[in-house]
Amino acid sequence: MPAPLASPLTLYVDALLLSPYAMAAYVALAEKSLPVELRLVDLQAGEQRMQPYTSRAPTCRVPALTHDAFHLTESSAIIEYLEDVFPAPDYPALYPPSPQQRARARQVQAWLRSDLAALRAERPTEVVFHGAAGAPLGDAAQAAAAKLLRVAQTLLPDGRPQLFDAWCIADTELALMLRRLAGPGDELPDALRAYADAQWRRPSVQTWLQFNQDARA
């Protein structure tokens, strides 16, 4: 049973709850069963460029984590910070125990953040979180989607239910990217669809989706 927190945690996220990186940071906190206060930042009004937010996040980006007097931005840094400060076995692990598997998980995360730009542009997270209709993909986005499927099938051979022996945070991020393929003419093999759907049913993800639903109510 994790010990009670001595210092509070606050996660600053975009007010529309559309950032995939905010979701990843929230899921990491939820998987570790860490109590956290969500604070919404109105990006459309430019709140991220105003005080007091800029004193916490000089880069003017979301998500941002505040832990006592420590402030941190960039979801990958936030997730690794949580893994270091709230480590297994006292708290559930976000990464696999093997150094090589941890490196692979971080590789997947870094790749999803830095590649597939055309797919991310044509299939924004409104498609994922709000069920918005996805238009047919252009040539560049189709090439990105084909790359995504090829890499995902390599990482998940024979219908594996997760990337490694147990869930890790990279599973959530890969599933989110796969769920962008929800438009007319999209091809998503049954095994990858089952994988993405199973990841989407995790309680931590469902809680984030409920936040989205409540925000639109």
Protein backbone atom coordinates (compact mmCIF):
# COMPACT_ATOMS: atom_id res chain seq x y z
CA MET A 1 0.00 0.00 0.00
CA PRO A 2 1.61 3.31 -1.06
CA ALA A 3 2.42 5.69 1.78
CA PRO A 4 0.35 8.90 1.99
CA LEU A 5 1.86 11.81 0.06
CA ALA A 6 3.60 14.46 2.14
CA SER A 7 3.68 16.94 -0.75
CA PRO A 8 0.77 17.77 -3.07
CA LEU A 9 0.76 17.08 -6.80
CA THR A 10 -0.88 19.36 -9.35
CA LEU A 11 -1.11 18.63 -13.08
CA TYR A 12 -1.78 21.53 -15.43
CA VAL A 13 -3.48 20.44 -18.65
CA ASP A 14 -5.14 22.12 -21.62
CA ALA A 15 -8.66 23.29 -20.85
CA LEU A 16 -10.12 21.31 -23.77
CA LEU A 17 -8.39 18.11 -22.55
CA LEU A 18 -7.20 17.31 -26.07
CA SER A 19 -3.46 17.01 -25.48
CA PRO A 20 -2.28 13.40 -25.84
CA TYR A 21 0.71 14.33 -23.71
CA ALA A 22 -1.50 15.63 -20.91
CA MET A 23 -3.37 12.34 -21.06
CA ALA A 24 -0.12 10.35 -20.82
CA ALA A 25 0.99 12.34 -17.77
CA TYR A 26 -2.40 11.89 -16.11
CA VAL A 27 -2.44 8.15 -16.81
CA ALA A 28 1.02 7.85 -15.23
CA LEU A 29 -0.24 9.54 -12.07
CA ALA A 30 -3.39 7.43 -11.99
CA GLU A 31 -1.52 4.17 -12.54
CA LYS A 32 0.63 4.98 -9.51
CA SER A 33 -2.53 5.81 -7.52
CA LEU A 34 -1.17 9.27 -6.75
CA PRO A 35 -3.74 11.87 -5.70
CA VAL A 36 -3.52 14.84 -8.03
CA GLU A 37 -5.37 18.09 -8.61
CA LEU A 38 -6.06 18.89 -12.26
CA ARG A 39 -5.80 22.55 -13.24
CA LEU A 40 -7.06 23.66 -16.64
CA VAL A 41 -5.04 26.07 -18.77
CA ASP A 42 -6.94 27.98 -21.46
CA LEU A 43 -4.61 27.78 -24.45
CA GLN A 44 -7.05 29.59 -26.73
CA ALA A 45 -6.94 32.61 -24.43
CA GLY A 46 -3.14 32.41 -24.22
CA GLU A 47 -3.11 31.63 -20.51
CA GLN A 48 0.02 29.54 -21.04
CA ARG A 49 1.91 32.74 -21.87
CA MET A 50 0.69 34.64 -18.81
CA GLN A 51 1.67 34.77 -15.17
CA PRO A 52 1.49 32.87 -12.92
CA TYR A 53 1.66 29.95 -15.39
CA THR A 54 4.92 31.08 -16.99
CA SER A 55 6.63 31.07 -13.60
CA ARG A 56 5.86 27.35 -13.37
CA ALA A 57 6.34 26.57 -17.04
CA PRO A 58 8.83 28.94 -18.72
CA THR A 59 8.39 27.01 -21.99
CA CYS A 60 4.66 27.90 -21.94
CA ARG A 61 3.61 24.33 -22.64
CA VAL A 62 1.25 21.76 -21.17
CA PRO A 63 1.25 19.48 -19.37
CA ALA A 64 3.10 20.82 -16.35
CA LEU A 65 3.53 19.07 -13.02
CA THR A 66 3.94 20.80 -9.69
CA HIS A 67 5.21 18.68 -6.82
CA ASP A 68 5.56 20.82 -3.72
CA ALA A 69 7.84 23.66 -4.96
CA PHE A 70 9.19 21.75 -7.97
CA HIS A 71 7.76 22.46 -11.44
CA LEU A 72 8.30 20.35 -14.55
CA THR A 73 7.04 20.36 -18.14
CA GLU A 74 7.24 17.83 -21.02
CA SER A 75 5.21 14.68 -20.52
CA SER A 76 8.13 12.28 -21.01
CA ALA A 77 10.12 14.10 -18.31
CA ILE A 78 7.08 14.13 -16.01
CA ILE A 79 6.54 10.40 -16.44
CA GLU A 80 10.19 9.56 -15.76
CA TYR A 81 10.18 11.88 -12.73
CA LEU A 82 7.17 10.05 -11.29
CA GLU A 83 8.89 6.72 -11.89
CA ASP A 84 11.99 7.93 -10.05
CA VAL A 85 10.27 9.64 -7.11
CA PHE A 86 7.53 7.04 -6.63
CA PRO A 87 9.36 3.84 -7.60
CA ALA A 88 8.33 0.20 -7.59
CA PRO A 89 7.64 -1.85 -5.57
CA ASP A 90 6.07 0.78 -3.31
CA TYR A 91 4.20 2.16 -6.33
CA PRO A 92 3.17 0.41 -9.55
CA ALA A 93 5.82 0.62 -12.26
CA LEU A 94 5.32 2.63 -15.42
CA TYR A 95 8.18 0.92 -17.25
CA PRO A 96 9.34 -2.72 -17.44
CA PRO A 97 12.16 -3.85 -15.12
CA SER A 98 14.63 -4.88 -17.82
CA PRO A 99 16.99 -2.07 -18.94
CA GLN A 100 16.58 -3.11 -22.57
CA GLN A 101 12.80 -3.19 -22.33
CA ARG A 102 12.77 0.18 -20.56
CA ALA A 103 14.91 1.57 -23.36
CA ARG A 104 12.52 0.11 -25.94
CA ALA A 105 9.51 1.64 -24.20
CA ARG A 106 11.20 5.05 -24.17
CA GLN A 107 12.12 4.60 -27.81
CA VAL A 108 8.45 4.01 -28.65
CA GLN A 109 7.43 7.11 -26.70
CA ALA A 110 10.07 9.29 -28.35
CA TRP A 111 9.13 8.00 -31.80
CA LEU A 112 5.42 8.67 -31.31
CA ARG A 113 6.22 12.25 -30.24
CA SER A 114 8.63 13.03 -33.08
CA ASP A 115 7.32 11.15 -36.12
CA LEU A 116 4.02 10.60 -37.98
CA ALA A 117 3.35 14.36 -38.11
CA ALA A 118 1.08 14.11 -41.15
CA LEU A 119 -1.15 11.57 -39.43
CA ARG A 120 -1.28 13.65 -36.25
CA ALA A 121 -2.19 16.73 -38.28
CA GLU A 122 -4.99 15.10 -40.28
CA ARG A 123 -6.33 13.03 -37.40
CA PRO A 124 -6.19 15.32 -34.35
CA THR A 125 -7.25 14.05 -30.96
CA GLU A 126 -10.82 15.29 -31.48
CA VAL A 127 -11.12 12.08 -33.52
CA VAL A 128 -9.84 10.03 -30.58
CA PHE A 129 -11.53 11.74 -27.63
CA HIS A 130 -14.68 13.22 -29.16
CA GLY A 131 -15.48 10.75 -31.92
CA ALA A 132 -15.15 13.46 -34.56
CA ALA A 133 -15.37 12.25 -38.14
CA GLY A 134 -12.01 11.64 -39.75
CA ALA A 135 -11.71 12.68 -43.39
CA PRO A 136 -9.90 10.38 -45.84
CA LEU A 137 -6.16 10.65 -45.36
CA GLY A 138 -3.93 12.48 -47.81
CA ASP A 139 -0.87 10.83 -49.32
CA ALA A 140 1.56 11.89 -46.59
CA ALA A 141 -0.81 10.84 -43.83
CA GLN A 142 -1.44 7.50 -45.55
CA ALA A 143 2.32 6.90 -45.64
CA ALA A 144 2.54 7.77 -41.94
CA ALA A 145 -0.36 5.43 -41.14
CA ALA A 146 1.31 2.59 -43.08
CA LYS A 147 4.51 3.18 -41.11
CA LEU A 148 2.58 3.17 -37.84
CA LEU A 149 0.96 -0.16 -38.67
CA ARG A 150 4.24 -1.71 -39.79
CA VAL A 151 6.05 -0.68 -36.61
CA ALA A 152 3.12 -1.63 -34.34
CA GLN A 153 2.92 -5.10 -35.91
CA THR A 154 6.66 -5.52 -35.38
CA LEU A 155 6.34 -4.50 -31.73
CA LEU A 156 3.25 -6.65 -31.16
CA PRO A 157 3.83 -9.95 -32.98
CA ASP A 158 1.23 -12.70 -32.89
CA GLY A 159 -1.47 -10.55 -31.35
CA ARG A 160 0.38 -9.74 -28.12
CA PRO A 161 -1.88 -7.92 -25.62
CA GLN A 162 0.85 -5.46 -24.60
CA LEU A 163 4.36 -4.46 -25.60
CA PHE A 164 6.03 -6.40 -22.77
CA ASP A 165 5.08 -8.96 -20.12
CA ALA A 166 3.02 -6.36 -18.26
CA TRP A 167 1.45 -3.04 -19.15
CA CYS A 168 3.67 0.02 -19.44
CA ILE A 169 2.97 3.67 -20.21
CA ALA A 170 4.14 3.23 -23.82
CA ASP A 171 1.13 0.92 -24.37
CA THR A 172 -1.25 3.79 -23.64
CA GLU A 173 0.60 6.12 -25.99
CA LEU A 174 0.78 3.59 -28.83
CA ALA A 175 -2.91 2.76 -28.44
CA LEU A 176 -3.82 6.44 -28.66
CA MET A 177 -1.92 6.78 -31.93
CA LEU A 178 -3.58 3.68 -33.37
CA ARG A 179 -7.00 5.03 -32.46
CA ARG A 180 -6.42 7.97 -34.81
CA LEU A 181 -7.19 5.48 -37.58
CA ALA A 182 -10.94 5.81 -37.27
CA GLY A 183 -11.91 7.42 -40.55
CA PRO A 184 -13.32 6.22 -43.87
CA GLY A 185 -11.00 3.89 -45.69
CA ASP A 186 -8.64 3.44 -42.74
CA GLU A 187 -7.14 0.01 -42.34
CA LEU A 188 -6.50 -1.24 -38.82
CA PRO A 189 -5.78 -4.98 -38.55
CA ASP A 190 -8.00 -6.86 -36.11
CA ALA A 191 -5.12 -7.69 -33.75
CA LEU A 192 -4.06 -4.04 -33.48
CA ARG A 193 -7.66 -2.90 -33.06
CA ALA A 194 -8.11 -5.41 -30.22
CA TYR A 195 -4.88 -4.19 -28.63
CA ALA A 196 -5.91 -0.53 -28.83
CA ASP A 197 -9.40 -1.26 -27.54
CA ALA A 198 -8.04 -3.25 -24.58
CA GLN A 199 -5.64 -0.44 -23.66
CA TRP A 200 -8.53 2.03 -23.88
CA ARG A 201 -10.46 0.05 -21.26
CA ARG A 202 -7.85 0.58 -18.55
CA PRO A 203 -9.41 2.43 -15.59
CA SER A 204 -6.81 5.21 -15.78
CA VAL A 205 -7.67 5.89 -19.43
CA GLN A 206 -11.39 5.64 -18.78
CA THR A 207 -11.10 8.27 -16.05
CA TRP A 208 -9.41 10.65 -18.51
CA LEU A 209 -12.13 9.99 -21.07
CA GLN A 210 -14.74 10.75 -18.43
CA PHE A 211 -13.02 14.09 -17.77
CA ASN A 212 -13.36 14.79 -21.50
CA GLN A 213 -17.03 13.89 -21.49
CA ASP A 214 -17.74 16.02 -18.41
CA ALA A 215 -15.88 18.98 -19.93
CA ARG A 216 -18.11 18.87 -23.01
CA ALA A 217 -21.36 18.43 -21.06
